[in-house]
PDB file of N, CA and C in Angstrom:
ATOM      1  N   UNK A   1     103.158  93.803 129.357  1.00  0.00           N
ATOM      2  CA  UNK A   1     102.190  94.466 128.483  1.00  0.00           C
ATOM      3  C   UNK A   1     101.436  95.527 129.278  1.00  0.00           C
ATOM      4  N   UNK A   2     101.061  96.570 128.573  1.00  0.00           N
ATOM      5  CA  UNK A   2     100.353  97.694 129.187  1.00  0.00           C
ATOM      6  C   UNK A   2      99.053  97.924 128.439  1.00  0.00           C
ATOM      7  N   UNK A   3      97.998  98.154 129.191  1.00  0.00           N
ATOM      8  CA  UNK A   3      96.708  98.484 128.601  1.00  0.00           C
ATOM      9  C   UNK A   3      96.394  99.946 128.915  1.00  0.00           C
ATOM     10  N   UNK A   4      95.876 100.622 127.905  1.00  0.00           N
ATOM     11  CA  UNK A   4      95.508 102.029 128.055  1.00  0.00           C
ATOM     12  C   UNK A   4      94.052 102.170 127.642  1.00  0.00           C
ATOM     13  N   UNK A   5      93.244 102.707 128.526  1.00  0.00           N
ATOM     14  CA  UNK A   5      91.810 102.814 128.271  1.00  0.00           C
ATOM     15  C   UNK A   5      91.344 104.239 128.524  1.00  0.00           C
ATOM     16  N   UNK A   6      90.766 104.846 127.488  1.00  0.00           N
ATOM     17  CA  UNK A   6      90.204 106.189 127.627  1.00  0.00           C
ATOM     18  C   UNK A   6      88.713 106.088 127.949  1.00  0.00           C
ATOM     19  N   UNK A   7      88.205 107.120 128.588  1.00  0.00           N
ATOM     20  CA  UNK A   7      86.776 107.226 128.850  1.00  0.00           C
ATOM     21  C   UNK A   7      86.428 108.695 129.036  1.00  0.00           C
ATOM     22  N   UNK A   8      85.130 108.975 129.023  1.00  0.00           N
ATOM     23  CA  UNK A   8      84.676 110.325 129.303  1.00  0.00           C
ATOM     24  C   UNK A   8      84.192 111.113 128.106  1.00  0.00           C
ATOM     25  N   UNK A   9      84.312 110.536 126.920  1.00  0.00           N
ATOM     26  CA  UNK A   9      83.833 111.246 125.746  1.00  0.00           C
ATOM     27  C   UNK A   9      82.319 111.312 125.707  1.00  0.00           C
ATOM     28  N   UNK A  10      81.814 112.071 124.752  1.00  0.00           N
ATOM     29  CA  UNK A  10      80.370 112.181 124.616  1.00  0.00           C
ATOM     30  C   UNK A  10      79.979 113.370 123.781  1.00  0.00           C
ATOM     31  N   UNK A  11      78.702 113.692 123.841  1.00  0.00           N
ATOM     32  CA  UNK A  11      78.133 114.818 123.107  1.00  0.00           C
ATOM     33  C   UNK A  11      77.967 115.994 124.061  1.00  0.00           C
ATOM     34  N   UNK A  12      78.454 117.149 123.653  1.00  0.00           N
ATOM     35  CA  UNK A  12      78.345 118.343 124.486  1.00  0.00           C
ATOM     36  C   UNK A  12      78.055 119.544 123.602  1.00  0.00           C
ATOM     37  N   UNK A  13      77.355 120.507 124.148  1.00  0.00           N
ATOM     38  CA  UNK A  13      77.041 121.721 123.388  1.00  0.00           C
ATOM     39  C   UNK A  13      78.252 122.651 123.349  1.00  0.00           C
ATOM     40  N   UNK A  14      78.344 123.480 122.345  1.00  0.00           N
ATOM     41  CA  UNK A  14      79.425 124.480 122.289  1.00  0.00           C
ATOM     42  C   UNK A  14      79.460 125.304 123.573  1.00  0.00           C
ATOM     43  N   UNK A  15      80.671 125.520 124.071  1.00  0.00           N
ATOM     44  CA  UNK A  15      80.838 126.235 125.328  1.00  0.00           C
ATOM     45  C   UNK A  15      80.848 125.338 126.539  1.00  0.00           C
ATOM     46  N   UNK A  16      80.503 124.084 126.352  1.00  0.00           N
ATOM     47  CA  UNK A  16      80.452 123.138 127.460  1.00  0.00           C
ATOM     48  C   UNK A  16      81.807 122.553 127.797  1.00  0.00           C
ATOM     49  N   UNK A  17      81.783 121.604 128.740  1.00  0.00           N
ATOM     50  CA  UNK A  17      83.010 120.988 129.236  1.00  0.00           C
ATOM     51  C   UNK A  17      82.884 119.471 129.269  1.00  0.00           C
ATOM     52  N   UNK A  18      84.032 118.821 129.154  1.00  0.00           N
ATOM     53  CA  UNK A  18      84.135 117.383 129.328  1.00  0.00           C
ATOM     54  C   UNK A  18      85.474 117.092 129.988  1.00  0.00           C
ATOM     55  N   UNK A  19      85.527 115.994 130.735  1.00  0.00           N
ATOM     56  CA  UNK A  19      86.808 115.539 131.273  1.00  0.00           C
ATOM     57  C   UNK A  19      87.054 114.119 130.803  1.00  0.00           C
ATOM     58  N   UNK A  20      88.137 113.953 130.063  1.00  0.00           N
ATOM     59  CA  UNK A  20      88.539 112.631 129.606  1.00  0.00           C
ATOM     60  C   UNK A  20      89.501 112.003 130.609  1.00  0.00           C
ATOM     61  N   UNK A  21      89.397 110.688 130.728  1.00  0.00           N
ATOM     62  CA  UNK A  21      90.312 109.946 131.595  1.00  0.00           C
ATOM     63  C   UNK A  21      91.062 108.919 130.770  1.00  0.00           C
ATOM     64  N   UNK A  22      92.281 108.636 131.191  1.00  0.00           N
ATOM     65  CA  UNK A  22      93.119 107.642 130.525  1.00  0.00           C
ATOM     66  C   UNK A  22      93.791 106.814 131.606  1.00  0.00           C
ATOM     67  N   UNK A  23      93.368 105.583 131.727  1.00  0.00           N
ATOM     68  CA  UNK A  23      93.902 104.710 132.767  1.00  0.00           C
ATOM     69  C   UNK A  23      94.863 103.698 132.156  1.00  0.00           C
ATOM     70  N   UNK A  24      96.059 103.652 132.699  1.00  0.00           N
ATOM     71  CA  UNK A  24      97.067 102.691 132.251  1.00  0.00           C
ATOM     72  C   UNK A  24      97.218 101.591 133.299  1.00  0.00           C
ATOM     73  N   UNK A  25      97.293 100.362 132.838  1.00  0.00           N
ATOM     74  CA  UNK A  25      97.452  99.239 133.756  1.00  0.00           C
ATOM     75  C   UNK A  25      98.385  98.207 133.147  1.00  0.00           C
ATOM     76  N   UNK A  26      98.903  97.338 133.992  1.00  0.00           N
ATOM     77  CA  UNK A  26      99.819  96.313 133.513  1.00  0.00           C
ATOM     78  C   UNK A  26     101.214  96.530 134.071  1.00  0.00           C
ATOM     79  N   UNK A  27     102.197  96.152 133.293  1.00  0.00           N
ATOM     80  CA  UNK A  27     103.596  96.210 133.730  1.00  0.00           C
ATOM     81  C   UNK A  27     104.144  97.623 133.541  1.00  0.00           C
ATOM     82  N   UNK A  28     103.894  98.458 134.546  1.00  0.00           N
ATOM     83  CA  UNK A  28     104.340  99.856 134.473  1.00  0.00           C
ATOM     84  C   UNK A  28     105.371 100.093 135.557  1.00  0.00           C
ATOM     85  N   UNK A  29     106.609 100.306 135.152  1.00  0.00           N
ATOM     86  CA  UNK A  29     107.664 100.631 136.112  1.00  0.00           C
ATOM     87  C   UNK A  29     107.662 102.122 136.367  1.00  0.00           C
ATOM     88  N   UNK A  30     107.698 102.877 135.283  1.00  0.00           N
ATOM     89  CA  UNK A  30     107.651 104.338 135.408  1.00  0.00           C
ATOM     90  C   UNK A  30     107.073 104.933 134.131  1.00  0.00           C
ATOM     91  N   UNK A  31     106.192 105.915 134.285  1.00  0.00           N
ATOM     92  CA  UNK A  31     105.661 106.606 133.119  1.00  0.00           C
ATOM     93  C   UNK A  31     106.649 107.683 132.701  1.00  0.00           C
ATOM     94  N   UNK A  32     107.116 107.594 131.468  1.00  0.00           N
ATOM     95  CA  UNK A  32     108.110 108.537 130.945  1.00  0.00           C
ATOM     96  C   UNK A  32     107.450 109.809 130.423  1.00  0.00           C
ATOM     97  N   UNK A  33     106.351 109.643 129.739  1.00  0.00           N
ATOM     98  CA  UNK A  33     105.646 110.799 129.184  1.00  0.00           C
ATOM     99  C   UNK A  33     104.210 110.401 128.880  1.00  0.00           C
ATOM    100  N   UNK A  34     103.393 111.406 128.628  1.00  0.00           N
ATOM    101  CA  UNK A  34     101.978 111.148 128.353  1.00  0.00           C
ATOM    102  C   UNK A  34     101.468 112.226 127.419  1.00  0.00           C
ATOM    103  N   UNK A  35     100.411 111.890 126.701  1.00  0.00           N
ATOM    104  CA  UNK A  35      99.880 112.884 125.790  1.00  0.00           C
ATOM    105  C   UNK A  35      98.482 112.535 125.328  1.00  0.00           C
ATOM    106  N   UNK A  36      97.802 113.549 124.864  1.00  0.00           N
ATOM    107  CA  UNK A  36      96.491 113.388 124.238  1.00  0.00           C
ATOM    108  C   UNK A  36      96.600 113.845 122.788  1.00  0.00           C
ATOM    109  N   UNK A  37      95.996 113.084 121.907  1.00  0.00           N
ATOM    110  CA  UNK A  37      95.959 113.381 120.486  1.00  0.00           C
ATOM    111  C   UNK A  37      94.510 113.278 120.035  1.00  0.00           C
ATOM    112  N   UNK A  38      94.230 113.840 118.871  1.00  0.00           N
ATOM    113  CA  UNK A  38      92.877 113.722 118.348  1.00  0.00           C
ATOM    114  C   UNK A  38      92.899 113.595 116.836  1.00  0.00           C
ATOM    115  N   UNK A  39      91.857 112.984 116.332  1.00  0.00           N
ATOM    116  CA  UNK A  39      91.734 112.814 114.881  1.00  0.00           C
ATOM    117  C   UNK A  39      90.296 113.073 114.480  1.00  0.00           C
ATOM    118  N   UNK A  40      90.120 114.105 113.686  1.00  0.00           N
ATOM    119  CA  UNK A  40      88.806 114.445 113.144  1.00  0.00           C
ATOM    120  C   UNK A  40      88.607 113.696 111.837  1.00  0.00           C
ATOM    121  N   UNK A  41      87.359 113.504 111.419  1.00  0.00           N
ATOM    122  CA  UNK A  41      87.093 112.787 110.161  1.00  0.00           C
ATOM    123  C   UNK A  41      87.819 113.427 108.989  1.00  0.00           C
ATOM    124  N   UNK A  42      88.517 112.610 108.243  1.00  0.00           N
ATOM    125  CA  UNK A  42      89.211 113.098 107.058  1.00  0.00           C
ATOM    126  C   UNK A  42      90.498 113.845 107.329  1.00  0.00           C
ATOM    127  N   UNK A  43      90.920 113.883 108.580  1.00  0.00           N
ATOM    128  CA  UNK A  43      92.138 114.618 108.940  1.00  0.00           C
ATOM    129  C   UNK A  43      93.141 113.687 109.608  1.00  0.00           C
ATOM    130  N   UNK A  44      94.380 114.143 109.636  1.00  0.00           N
ATOM    131  CA  UNK A  44      95.427 113.382 110.294  1.00  0.00           C
ATOM    132  C   UNK A  44      95.317 113.527 111.811  1.00  0.00           C
ATOM    133  N   UNK A  45      95.860 112.544 112.523  1.00  0.00           N
ATOM    134  CA  UNK A  45      95.900 112.636 113.967  1.00  0.00           C
ATOM    135  C   UNK A  45      96.841 113.772 114.361  1.00  0.00           C
ATOM    136  N   UNK A  46      96.406 114.587 115.322  1.00  0.00           N
ATOM    137  CA  UNK A  46      97.213 115.729 115.727  1.00  0.00           C
ATOM    138  C   UNK A  46      97.404 115.743 117.238  1.00  0.00           C
ATOM    139  N   UNK A  47      98.482 116.374 117.630  1.00  0.00           N
ATOM    140  CA  UNK A  47      98.783 116.501 119.041  1.00  0.00           C
ATOM    141  C   UNK A  47      97.856 117.524 119.690  1.00  0.00           C
ATOM    142  N   UNK A  48      97.324 117.177 120.842  1.00  0.00           N
ATOM    143  CA  UNK A  48      96.555 118.121 121.654  1.00  0.00           C
ATOM    144  C   UNK A  48      97.451 118.669 122.773  1.00  0.00           C
ATOM    145  N   UNK A  49      98.069 117.756 123.504  1.00  0.00           N
ATOM    146  CA  UNK A  49      98.968 118.154 124.584  1.00  0.00           C
ATOM    147  C   UNK A  49      99.919 116.999 124.867  1.00  0.00           C
ATOM    148  N   UNK A  50     101.154 117.348 125.197  1.00  0.00           N
ATOM    149  CA  UNK A  50     102.156 116.356 125.565  1.00  0.00           C
ATOM    150  C   UNK A  50     102.880 116.833 126.813  1.00  0.00           C
ATOM    151  N   UNK A  51     103.192 115.879 127.686  1.00  0.00           N
ATOM    152  CA  UNK A  51     103.907 116.242 128.912  1.00  0.00           C
ATOM    153  C   UNK A  51     104.860 115.125 129.303  1.00  0.00           C
ATOM    154  N   UNK A  52     106.127 115.462 129.459  1.00  0.00           N
ATOM    155  CA  UNK A  52     107.103 114.511 129.965  1.00  0.00           C
ATOM    156  C   UNK A  52     106.978 114.430 131.483  1.00  0.00           C
ATOM    157  N   UNK A  53     107.379 113.305 132.032  1.00  0.00           N
ATOM    158  CA  UNK A  53     107.316 113.126 133.482  1.00  0.00           C
ATOM    159  C   UNK A  53     108.154 114.201 134.170  1.00  0.00           C
ATOM    160  N   UNK A  54     107.531 114.963 135.041  1.00  0.00           N
ATOM    161  CA  UNK A  54     108.239 116.028 135.735  1.00  0.00           C
ATOM    162  C   UNK A  54     108.395 117.296 134.939  1.00  0.00           C
ATOM    163  N   UNK A  55     107.854 117.307 133.723  1.00  0.00           N
ATOM    164  CA  UNK A  55     107.993 118.482 132.872  1.00  0.00           C
ATOM    165  C   UNK A  55     106.715 119.290 132.783  1.00  0.00           C
ATOM    166  N   UNK A  56     106.772 120.343 132.000  1.00  0.00           N
ATOM    167  CA  UNK A  56     105.604 121.198 131.780  1.00  0.00           C
ATOM    168  C   UNK A  56     104.850 120.723 130.536  1.00  0.00           C
ATOM    169  N   UNK A  57     103.556 120.885 130.531  1.00  0.00           N
ATOM    170  CA  UNK A  57     102.785 120.465 129.362  1.00  0.00           C
ATOM    171  C   UNK A  57     102.983 121.401 128.177  1.00  0.00           C
ATOM    172  N   UNK A  58     102.903 120.829 127.004  1.00  0.00           N
ATOM    173  CA  UNK A  58     102.965 121.602 125.769  1.00  0.00           C
ATOM    174  C   UNK A  58     101.646 121.403 125.035  1.00  0.00           C
ATOM    175  N   UNK A  59     100.896 122.476 124.906  1.00  0.00           N
ATOM    176  CA  UNK A  59      99.578 122.416 124.302  1.00  0.00           C
ATOM    177  C   UNK A  59      99.617 122.896 122.848  1.00  0.00           C
ATOM    178  N   UNK A  60      98.748 122.321 122.046  1.00  0.00           N
ATOM    179  CA  UNK A  60      98.532 122.860 120.707  1.00  0.00           C
ATOM    180  C   UNK A  60      97.933 124.257 120.851  1.00  0.00           C
ATOM    181  N   UNK A  61      98.272 125.135 119.934  1.00  0.00           N
ATOM    182  CA  UNK A  61      97.772 126.513 120.007  1.00  0.00           C
ATOM    183  C   UNK A  61      96.244 126.553 120.029  1.00  0.00           C
ATOM    184  N   UNK A  62      95.633 125.616 119.339  1.00  0.00           N
ATOM    185  CA  UNK A  62      94.181 125.626 119.209  1.00  0.00           C
ATOM    186  C   UNK A  62      93.455 125.330 120.521  1.00  0.00           C
ATOM    187  N   UNK A  63      94.162 124.766 121.505  1.00  0.00           N
ATOM    188  CA  UNK A  63      93.496 124.407 122.764  1.00  0.00           C
ATOM    189  C   UNK A  63      94.068 125.151 123.967  1.00  0.00           C
ATOM    190  N   UNK A  64      95.093 125.947 123.769  1.00  0.00           N
ATOM    191  CA  UNK A  64      95.700 126.691 124.881  1.00  0.00           C
ATOM    192  C   UNK A  64      94.670 127.539 125.587  1.00  0.00           C
ATOM    193  N   UNK A  65      94.699 127.468 126.911  1.00  0.00           N
ATOM    194  CA  UNK A  65      93.780 128.256 127.711  1.00  0.00           C
ATOM    195  C   UNK A  65      92.419 127.617 127.887  1.00  0.00           C
ATOM    196  N   UNK A  66      92.166 126.526 127.160  1.00  0.00           N
ATOM    197  CA  UNK A  66      90.860 125.847 127.272  1.00  0.00           C
ATOM    198  C   UNK A  66      90.993 124.421 127.807  1.00  0.00           C
ATOM    199  N   UNK A  67      92.091 123.755 127.472  1.00  0.00           N
ATOM    200  CA  UNK A  67      92.301 122.371 127.885  1.00  0.00           C
ATOM    201  C   UNK A  67      93.406 122.315 128.940  1.00  0.00           C
ATOM    202  N   UNK A  68      93.262 121.354 129.856  1.00  0.00           N
ATOM    203  CA  UNK A  68      94.264 121.176 130.909  1.00  0.00           C
ATOM    204  C   UNK A  68      94.535 119.694 131.136  1.00  0.00           C
ATOM    205  N   UNK A  69      95.800 119.320 131.090  1.00  0.00           N
ATOM    206  CA  UNK A  69      96.190 117.942 131.364  1.00  0.00           C
ATOM    207  C   UNK A  69      96.601 117.821 132.829  1.00  0.00           C
ATOM    208  N   UNK A  70      96.266 116.694 133.425  1.00  0.00           N
ATOM    209  CA  UNK A  70      96.696 116.421 134.793  1.00  0.00           C
ATOM    210  C   UNK A  70      96.857 114.910 134.951  1.00  0.00           C
ATOM    211  N   UNK A  71      97.443 114.497 136.071  1.00  0.00           N
ATOM    212  CA  UNK A  71      97.648 113.071 136.275  1.00  0.00           C
ATOM    213  C   UNK A  71      97.505 112.711 137.748  1.00  0.00           C
ATOM    214  N   UNK A  72      97.128 111.469 137.963  1.00  0.00           N
ATOM    215  CA  UNK A  72      97.078 110.901 139.308  1.00  0.00           C
ATOM    216  C   UNK A  72      98.085 109.759 139.312  1.00  0.00           C
ATOM    217  N   UNK A  73      99.237 110.005 139.903  1.00  0.00           N
ATOM    218  CA  UNK A  73     100.307 109.015 139.858  1.00  0.00           C
ATOM    219  C   UNK A  73      99.908 107.704 140.516  1.00  0.00           C
ATOM    220  N   UNK A  74      99.183 107.792 141.612  1.00  0.00           N
ATOM    221  CA  UNK A  74      98.817 106.585 142.354  1.00  0.00           C
ATOM    222  C   UNK A  74      97.928 105.669 141.523  1.00  0.00           C
ATOM    223  N   UNK A  75      97.157 106.269 140.622  1.00  0.00           N
ATOM    224  CA  UNK A  75      96.227 105.489 139.807  1.00  0.00           C
ATOM    225  C   UNK A  75      96.727 105.278 138.393  1.00  0.00           C
ATOM    226  N   UNK A  76      97.923 105.793 138.079  1.00  0.00           N
ATOM    227  CA  UNK A  76      98.428 105.729 136.692  1.00  0.00           C
ATOM    228  C   UNK A  76      97.366 106.213 135.713  1.00  0.00           C
ATOM    229  N   UNK A  77      96.765 107.325 136.048  1.00  0.00           N
ATOM    230  CA  UNK A  77      95.678 107.877 135.249  1.00  0.00           C
ATOM    231  C   UNK A  77      96.001 109.301 134.851  1.00  0.00           C
ATOM    232  N   UNK A  78      95.700 109.603 133.604  1.00  0.00           N
ATOM    233  CA  UNK A  78      95.910 110.939 133.045  1.00  0.00           C
ATOM    234  C   UNK A  78      94.541 111.508 132.663  1.00  0.00           C
ATOM    235  N   UNK A  79      94.363 112.772 132.914  1.00  0.00           N
ATOM    236  CA  UNK A  79      93.084 113.426 132.625  1.00  0.00           C
ATOM    237  C   UNK A  79      93.281 114.554 131.614  1.00  0.00           C
ATOM    238  N   UNK A  80      92.217 114.841 130.897  1.00  0.00           N
ATOM    239  CA  UNK A  80      92.194 116.006 130.023  1.00  0.00           C
ATOM    240  C   UNK A  80      90.895 116.757 130.294  1.00  0.00           C
ATOM    241  N   UNK A  81      91.012 117.882 130.965  1.00  0.00           N
ATOM    242  CA  UNK A  81      89.863 118.741 131.221  1.00  0.00           C
ATOM    243  C   UNK A  81      89.696 119.661 130.021  1.00  0.00           C
ATOM    244  N   UNK A  82      88.534 119.606 129.396  1.00  0.00           N
ATOM    245  CA  UNK A  82      88.274 120.395 128.201  1.00  0.00           C
ATOM    246  C   UNK A  82      87.139 121.364 128.492  1.00  0.00           C
ATOM    247  N   UNK A  83      87.434 122.641 128.451  1.00  0.00           N
ATOM    248  CA  UNK A  83      86.442 123.688 128.703  1.00  0.00           C
ATOM    249  C   UNK A  83      86.253 124.530 127.451  1.00  0.00           C
ATOM    250  N   UNK A  84      85.178 125.280 127.454  1.00  0.00           N
ATOM    251  CA  UNK A  84      84.863 126.177 126.322  1.00  0.00           C
ATOM    252  C   UNK A  84      84.974 125.432 124.997  1.00  0.00           C
ATOM    253  N   UNK A  85      84.365 124.285 124.942  1.00  0.00           N
ATOM    254  CA  UNK A  85      84.488 123.442 123.751  1.00  0.00           C
ATOM    255  C   UNK A  85      83.848 124.086 122.535  1.00  0.00           C
ATOM    256  N   UNK A  86      84.471 123.827 121.390  1.00  0.00           N
ATOM    257  CA  UNK A  86      84.017 124.368 120.115  1.00  0.00           C
ATOM    258  C   UNK A  86      83.682 123.214 119.171  1.00  0.00           C
ATOM    259  N   UNK A  87      82.855 123.457 118.174  1.00  0.00           N
ATOM    260  CA  UNK A  87      82.553 122.393 117.209  1.00  0.00           C
ATOM    261  C   UNK A  87      83.814 121.815 116.564  1.00  0.00           C
ATOM    262  N   UNK A  88      84.829 122.644 116.367  1.00  0.00           N
ATOM    263  CA  UNK A  88      86.067 122.152 115.744  1.00  0.00           C
ATOM    264  C   UNK A  88      86.885 121.254 116.668  1.00  0.00           C
ATOM    265  N   UNK A  89      86.463 121.105 117.909  1.00  0.00           N
ATOM    266  CA  UNK A  89      87.114 120.146 118.808  1.00  0.00           C
ATOM    267  C   UNK A  89      86.573 118.730 118.613  1.00  0.00           C
ATOM    268  N   UNK A  90      85.543 118.610 117.793  1.00  0.00           N
ATOM    269  CA  UNK A  90      84.966 117.293 117.530  1.00  0.00           C
ATOM    270  C   UNK A  90      85.997 116.367 116.896  1.00  0.00           C
ATOM    271  N   UNK A  91      86.203 115.216 117.518  1.00  0.00           N
ATOM    272  CA  UNK A  91      87.211 114.271 117.048  1.00  0.00           C
ATOM    273  C   UNK A  91      87.190 113.041 117.941  1.00  0.00           C
ATOM    274  N   UNK A  92      87.930 112.032 117.516  1.00  0.00           N
ATOM    275  CA  UNK A  92      88.236 110.914 118.407  1.00  0.00           C
ATOM    276  C   UNK A  92      89.520 111.293 119.142  1.00  0.00           C
ATOM    277  N   UNK A  93      89.473 111.204 120.452  1.00  0.00           N
ATOM    278  CA  UNK A  93      90.622 111.570 121.273  1.00  0.00           C
ATOM    279  C   UNK A  93      91.336 110.309 121.748  1.00  0.00           C
ATOM    280  N   UNK A  94      92.652 110.316 121.561  1.00  0.00           N
ATOM    281  CA  UNK A  94      93.475 109.172 121.924  1.00  0.00           C
ATOM    282  C   UNK A  94      94.488 109.571 122.995  1.00  0.00           C
ATOM    283  N   UNK A  95      94.700 108.654 123.891  1.00  0.00           N
ATOM    284  CA  UNK A  95      95.712 108.826 124.927  1.00  0.00           C
ATOM    285  C   UNK A  95      96.949 108.017 124.555  1.00  0.00           C
ATOM    286  N   UNK A  96      98.102 108.597 124.808  1.00  0.00           N
ATOM    287  CA  UNK A  96      99.371 107.904 124.570  1.00  0.00           C
ATOM    288  C   UNK A  96     100.201 107.951 125.845  1.00  0.00           C
ATOM    289  N   UNK A  97     100.683 106.801 126.243  1.00  0.00           N
ATOM    290  CA  UNK A  97     101.504 106.702 127.454  1.00  0.00           C
ATOM    291  C   UNK A  97     102.849 106.095 127.096  1.00  0.00           C
ATOM    292  N   UNK A  98     103.912 106.744 127.504  1.00  0.00           N
ATOM    293  CA  UNK A  98     105.249 106.211 127.320  1.00  0.00           C
ATOM    294  C   UNK A  98     105.719 105.581 128.619  1.00  0.00           C
ATOM    295  N   UNK A  99     106.038 104.293 128.581  1.00  0.00           N
ATOM    296  CA  UNK A  99     106.471 103.586 129.785  1.00  0.00           C
ATOM    297  C   UNK A  99     107.967 103.337 129.699  1.00  0.00           C
ATOM    298  N   UNK A 100     108.662 103.747 130.732  1.00  0.00           N
ATOM    299  CA  UNK A 100     110.120 103.596 130.800  1.00  0.00           C
ATOM    300  C   UNK A 100     110.458 102.288 131.504  1.00  0.00           C
ATOM    301  N   UNK A 101     111.125 101.396 130.759  1.00  0.00           N
ATOM    302  CA  UNK A 101     111.522 100.106 131.318  1.00  0.00           C
ATOM    303  C   UNK A 101     112.985 100.091 131.751  1.00  0.00           C
ATOM    304  N   UNK A 102     113.604 101.278 131.728  1.00  0.00           N
ATOM    305  CA  UNK A 102     114.999 101.370 132.141  1.00  0.00           C
ATOM    306  C   UNK A 102     115.943 101.209 130.957  1.00  0.00           C
ATOM    307  N   UNK A 103     117.162 101.711 131.148  1.00  0.00           N
ATOM    308  CA  UNK A 103     118.197 101.640 130.111  1.00  0.00           C
ATOM    309  C   UNK A 103     117.718 102.289 128.809  1.00  0.00           C
ATOM    310  N   UNK A 104     116.988 103.412 128.955  1.00  0.00           N
ATOM    311  CA  UNK A 104     116.505 104.193 127.811  1.00  0.00           C
ATOM    312  C   UNK A 104     115.532 103.410 126.935  1.00  0.00           C
ATOM    313  N   UNK A 105     114.909 102.405 127.494  1.00  0.00           N
ATOM    314  CA  UNK A 105     113.920 101.624 126.755  1.00  0.00           C
ATOM    315  C   UNK A 105     112.530 102.149 127.086  1.00  0.00           C
ATOM    316  N   UNK A 106     111.998 102.987 126.196  1.00  0.00           N
ATOM    317  CA  UNK A 106     110.671 103.571 126.402  1.00  0.00           C
ATOM    318  C   UNK A 106     109.739 103.022 125.337  1.00  0.00           C
ATOM    319  N   UNK A 107     108.635 102.444 125.775  1.00  0.00           N
ATOM    320  CA  UNK A 107     107.631 101.909 124.867  1.00  0.00           C
ATOM    321  C   UNK A 107     106.377 102.784 124.916  1.00  0.00           C
ATOM    322  N   UNK A 108     105.831 103.084 123.746  1.00  0.00           N
ATOM    323  CA  UNK A 108     104.629 103.913 123.660  1.00  0.00           C
ATOM    324  C   UNK A 108     103.395 103.031 123.502  1.00  0.00           C
ATOM    325  N   UNK A 109     102.365 103.372 124.263  1.00  0.00           N
ATOM    326  CA  UNK A 109     101.111 102.625 124.195  1.00  0.00           C
ATOM    327  C   UNK A 109      99.963 103.579 123.913  1.00  0.00           C
ATOM    328  N   UNK A 110      99.034 103.122 123.053  1.00  0.00           N
ATOM    329  CA  UNK A 110      97.876 103.921 122.674  1.00  0.00           C
ATOM    330  C   UNK A 110      96.599 103.286 123.219  1.00  0.00           C
ATOM    331  N   UNK A 111      95.642 104.134 123.546  1.00  0.00           N
ATOM    332  CA  UNK A 111      94.318 103.656 123.869  1.00  0.00           C
ATOM    333  C   UNK A 111      93.496 103.499 122.604  1.00  0.00           C
ATOM    334  N   UNK A 112      92.267 103.068 122.783  1.00  0.00           N
ATOM    335  CA  UNK A 112      91.393 102.792 121.627  1.00  0.00           C
ATOM    336  C   UNK A 112      90.667 104.035 121.142  1.00  0.00           C
ATOM    337  N   UNK A 113      90.726 105.104 121.920  1.00  0.00           N
ATOM    338  CA  UNK A 113      90.083 106.355 121.528  1.00  0.00           C
ATOM    339  C   UNK A 113      88.696 106.523 122.125  1.00  0.00           C
ATOM    340  N   UNK A 114      88.320 107.767 122.317  1.00  0.00           N
ATOM    341  CA  UNK A 114      86.978 108.088 122.798  1.00  0.00           C
ATOM    342  C   UNK A 114      86.440 109.268 121.986  1.00  0.00           C
ATOM    343  N   UNK A 115      85.204 109.151 121.556  1.00  0.00           N
ATOM    344  CA  UNK A 115      84.608 110.155 120.672  1.00  0.00           C
ATOM    345  C   UNK A 115      84.140 111.369 121.467  1.00  0.00           C
ATOM    346  N   UNK A 116      84.519 112.533 120.990  1.00  0.00           N
ATOM    347  CA  UNK A 116      84.022 113.797 121.530  1.00  0.00           C
ATOM    348  C   UNK A 116      83.312 114.531 120.406  1.00  0.00           C
ATOM    349  N   UNK A 117      82.061 114.868 120.621  1.00  0.00           N
ATOM    350  CA  UNK A 117      81.270 115.585 119.630  1.00  0.00           C
ATOM    351  C   UNK A 117      80.735 116.861 120.258  1.00  0.00           C
ATOM    352  N   UNK A 118      81.059 117.985 119.637  1.00  0.00           N
ATOM    353  CA  UNK A 118      80.600 119.284 120.127  1.00  0.00           C
ATOM    354  C   UNK A 118      79.602 119.824 119.111  1.00  0.00           C
ATOM    355  N   UNK A 119      78.355 119.875 119.527  1.00  0.00           N
ATOM    356  CA  UNK A 119      77.300 120.264 118.600  1.00  0.00           C
ATOM    357  C   UNK A 119      76.078 120.737 119.373  1.00  0.00           C
ATOM    358  N   UNK A 120      75.368 121.675 118.769  1.00  0.00           N
ATOM    359  CA  UNK A 120      74.121 122.139 119.376  1.00  0.00           C
ATOM    360  C   UNK A 120      72.939 121.371 118.822  1.00  0.00           C
TER     361      UNK A 120
END
């Protein structure tokens, strides 16, 4: 079993920055892919950024140039640096980790989400 825990959300003014963290723990042989998603009130969950292991990140157009994904392999932790935040970035942010158990068996795990509110 794998546990995924996000942290770092909060209230920030427009133009400000936040860094979200996503720590994965448990039976992790290899991380296959990782991603951040968000869900605003009354809207569907949407992709923010996705990155396969060893690949390049793919960002949603709405966050390109403002958000940056990174990872610390030793800590099995994924980060999302969010700069120049806008009110429309307000949402619950979820981390998704794909764990590769070998033989093409990849299991996806979600965190519980962390609230990001951008408001003056």
